[in-house]
Protein backbone atom coordinates (compact mmCIF):
# COMPACT_ATOMS: atom_id res chain seq x y z
CA MET A 1 0.00 0.00 0.00
CA ALA A 2 1.24 3.48 -0.79
CA ASP A 3 1.94 5.54 2.31
CA PRO A 4 -0.79 8.23 2.36
CA THR A 5 1.15 10.32 4.87
CA GLY A 6 4.13 10.68 2.55
CA THR A 7 6.53 9.79 5.37
CA ASN A 8 7.52 6.41 3.93
CA LEU A 9 6.76 4.41 7.08
CA THR A 10 8.19 0.93 7.48
CA SER A 11 5.66 -1.92 7.70
CA ALA A 12 5.97 -2.18 11.49
CA LYS A 13 5.49 1.57 11.94
CA ALA A 14 2.61 1.61 9.46
CA ILE A 15 0.85 -1.21 11.31
CA ALA A 16 1.36 0.58 14.63
CA ALA A 17 0.01 3.79 13.08
CA ASP A 18 -3.03 1.88 11.78
CA ALA A 19 -4.16 1.19 15.33
CA THR A 20 -4.23 4.90 16.18
CA ASN A 21 -5.21 6.46 12.85
CA PRO A 22 -8.67 5.55 11.55
CA VAL A 23 -7.80 6.68 8.01
CA LEU A 24 -4.80 4.33 7.80
CA TYR A 25 -6.84 1.55 9.38
CA GLU A 26 -9.57 1.93 6.74
CA LEU A 27 -6.98 1.96 3.95
CA ARG A 28 -5.39 -1.25 5.27
CA LEU A 29 -8.82 -2.86 5.58
CA ALA A 30 -9.74 -1.87 2.02
CA GLU A 31 -6.41 -3.23 0.79
CA ARG A 32 -7.04 -6.56 2.57
CA VAL A 33 -10.55 -6.84 1.12
CA GLN A 34 -9.13 -6.28 -2.37
CA GLN A 35 -6.45 -8.91 -1.72
CA LEU A 36 -9.14 -11.41 -0.67
CA ARG A 37 -11.12 -10.63 -3.82
CA THR A 38 -8.03 -11.19 -5.93
CA ASP A 39 -7.25 -14.45 -4.11
CA HIS A 40 -10.82 -15.62 -4.73
CA ASP A 41 -10.72 -14.63 -8.40
CA ASN A 42 -7.36 -16.34 -8.91
CA PRO A 43 -7.39 -19.45 -6.73
CA VAL A 44 -4.37 -21.66 -6.37
CA LEU A 45 -5.14 -24.81 -8.30
CA ALA A 46 -4.52 -28.12 -6.55
CA SER A 47 -2.55 -30.79 -8.30
CA GLN A 48 -4.39 -33.83 -9.56
CA VAL A 49 -3.55 -37.49 -9.04
CA SER A 50 -5.21 -40.30 -11.02
CA ALA A 51 -6.01 -43.60 -9.32
CA PRO A 52 -6.99 -45.98 -12.15
CA ALA A 53 -9.27 -48.99 -11.76
CA SER A 54 -7.66 -52.25 -10.63
CA THR A 55 -4.46 -50.54 -9.46
CA THR A 56 -2.94 -49.34 -6.18
CA THR A 57 -1.95 -45.67 -5.99
CA THR A 58 0.27 -44.80 -3.02
CA LEU A 59 0.21 -41.11 -2.16
CA THR A 60 3.22 -39.21 -0.80
CA ALA A 61 3.48 -36.33 1.64
CA ALA A 62 4.67 -34.16 -1.27
CA GLN A 63 1.26 -34.66 -2.92
CA SER A 64 -0.61 -33.18 0.05
CA GLY A 65 -3.37 -30.84 -1.10
CA SER A 66 -4.03 -32.90 -4.24
CA VAL A 67 -7.35 -33.95 -5.64
CA VAL A 68 -7.27 -37.71 -6.24
CA LEU A 69 -9.55 -38.89 -9.05
CA MET A 70 -10.33 -42.44 -8.00
CA ALA A 71 -11.81 -44.67 -10.68
CA PRO A 72 -14.58 -47.06 -9.74
CA ASN A 73 -13.92 -50.79 -9.89
CA ALA A 74 -11.15 -51.88 -7.56
CA ALA A 75 -9.00 -48.75 -7.40
CA ILE A 76 -7.01 -48.61 -4.17
CA VAL A 77 -5.55 -45.40 -2.75
CA VAL A 78 -3.03 -45.63 0.10
CA LEU A 79 -2.42 -42.57 2.26
CA PRO A 80 1.13 -41.63 3.27
CA ALA A 81 2.42 -42.02 6.83
CA PRO A 82 0.52 -39.55 9.01
CA SER A 83 2.01 -36.10 9.49
CA VAL A 84 -0.23 -33.39 10.93
CA GLY A 85 -1.62 -31.14 8.22
CA LEU A 86 -1.40 -33.51 5.26
CA ASN A 87 -4.68 -33.44 3.33
CA PHE A 88 -6.24 -34.93 0.23
CA ILE A 89 -9.60 -34.87 -1.52
CA ILE A 90 -10.56 -38.24 -2.95
CA LEU A 91 -13.26 -37.99 -5.62
CA SER A 92 -15.02 -40.87 -7.34
CA SER A 93 -14.55 -40.27 -11.06
CA GLY A 94 -17.43 -42.57 -12.00
CA ALA A 95 -20.34 -44.61 -10.71
CA TYR A 96 -19.83 -48.04 -9.17
CA ALA A 97 -19.99 -50.85 -11.72
CA THR A 98 -18.48 -54.13 -10.52
CA ALA A 99 -16.07 -53.77 -7.58
CA THR A 100 -15.53 -51.60 -4.50
CA SER A 101 -12.74 -49.03 -4.55
CA TYR A 102 -11.22 -47.86 -1.29
CA VAL A 103 -8.88 -45.47 0.49
CA ARG A 104 -6.78 -46.96 3.25
CA THR A 105 -4.29 -45.62 5.74
CA ASP A 106 -0.63 -46.58 5.51
CA VAL A 107 -0.88 -49.04 8.44
CA GLY A 108 -3.69 -50.54 10.49
CA THR A 109 -2.85 -48.32 13.46
CA SER A 110 -3.57 -45.09 11.55
CA LEU A 111 -7.32 -44.62 11.87
CA TYR A 112 -10.19 -42.51 10.51
CA ARG A 113 -12.26 -40.10 12.62
CA GLY A 114 -15.20 -37.93 11.52
CA GLY A 115 -17.72 -38.96 8.89
CA HIS A 116 -19.55 -37.72 5.82
CA SER A 117 -23.01 -36.55 4.79
CA ALA A 118 -25.44 -38.11 2.33
CA LYS A 119 -27.01 -35.98 -0.40
CA ASN A 120 -30.30 -37.85 -0.03
CA GLY A 121 -30.58 -36.80 3.62
CA GLY A 122 -30.07 -40.32 4.96
CA ASP A 123 -27.95 -41.08 7.98
CA CYS A 124 -24.31 -41.31 7.02
CA ASN A 125 -21.73 -43.81 8.08
CA ILE A 126 -19.01 -42.85 10.51
CA PRO A 127 -15.73 -44.65 11.08
CA GLY A 128 -15.61 -47.08 13.99
CA SER A 129 -12.84 -47.05 16.57
CA THR A 130 -10.59 -49.39 14.53
CA ASP A 131 -11.50 -48.38 10.95
CA ASP A 132 -8.63 -47.67 8.60
CA ARG A 133 -10.42 -48.04 5.25
CA ALA A 134 -13.04 -45.88 3.47
CA GLU A 135 -14.90 -47.96 0.91
CA PHE A 136 -16.66 -46.53 -2.14
CA GLY A 137 -19.20 -49.30 -2.71
CA SER A 138 -22.26 -50.18 -4.77
CA GLY A 139 -24.14 -46.92 -4.12
CA THR A 140 -21.27 -44.71 -5.24
CA GLN A 141 -21.99 -42.13 -7.91
CA HIS A 142 -19.69 -39.87 -9.91
CA GLY A 143 -18.73 -36.98 -7.62
CA ASP A 144 -19.04 -38.76 -4.27
CA HIS A 145 -15.99 -37.69 -2.30
CA ILE A 146 -14.16 -37.48 0.99
CA GLU A 147 -11.52 -35.13 2.25
CA VAL A 148 -8.95 -36.57 4.64
CA ILE A 149 -6.90 -34.32 6.92
CA CYS A 150 -4.19 -35.69 9.18
CA ILE A 151 -4.85 -34.51 12.73
CA SER A 152 -2.28 -36.54 14.67
CA THR A 153 0.42 -39.14 14.15
CA THR A 154 -2.25 -41.88 14.19
CA GLU A 155 -5.49 -40.23 12.99
CA TRP A 156 -7.01 -38.87 9.78
CA PHE A 157 -10.12 -36.71 10.02
CA VAL A 158 -12.54 -37.54 7.21
CA ARG A 159 -15.48 -35.54 5.86
CA GLY A 160 -17.33 -35.59 2.58
CA ILE A 161 -20.53 -35.98 0.59
CA ALA A 162 -21.98 -39.19 -0.82
CA SER A 163 -25.02 -39.91 -2.99
CA SER A 164 -26.60 -42.06 -0.32
CA ALA A 165 -25.82 -43.32 3.16
CA ALA A 166 -24.56 -46.60 1.75
CA SER A 167 -22.24 -45.08 -0.87
CA ILE A 168 -19.22 -44.69 1.39
CA THR A 169 -18.65 -46.98 4.33
CA TYR A 170 -15.74 -47.55 6.74
CA SER A 171 -14.11 -50.78 7.84
CA ASP A 172 -11.13 -52.26 9.62
CA GLY A 173 -9.12 -53.36 6.61
CA GLY A 174 -6.33 -54.76 8.75
CA SER A 175 -3.69 -53.04 6.65
């Protein structure tokens, strides 16, 4: 922001002046609103990972923030070792046809917490105390998805939207 006082204040001095000068405060606020508008108009695009049918796709920590397009019919996605803050969106790229696809944690001691909602208003499934696998089963439609966010060294928070309550279920896969 240009310094309206003409005194060429440093950032720290300008911020301190903002607290005491309503004009500077309003200018900073207007600048921040414009920045948010620009950020919204020019979002950072997430990288994309494909998880083809009948294959296993193992994600890495470097892929955190990616959208994973998981094919129906026996696609398997394996999350990386838990590290707080890692996150992925797993999206079904088609409707169920012949076999369940699933997302599993790296080991059976890394577990899911949370749950997802159903678009049809039905009760959704939530992970049990030992569940380490999210299964996209026979009710899955194109666009059903979950987001997984690592919240500890042993837990992934999961949330998402499914076509029906039976579309996405959770199980102890014993991985």
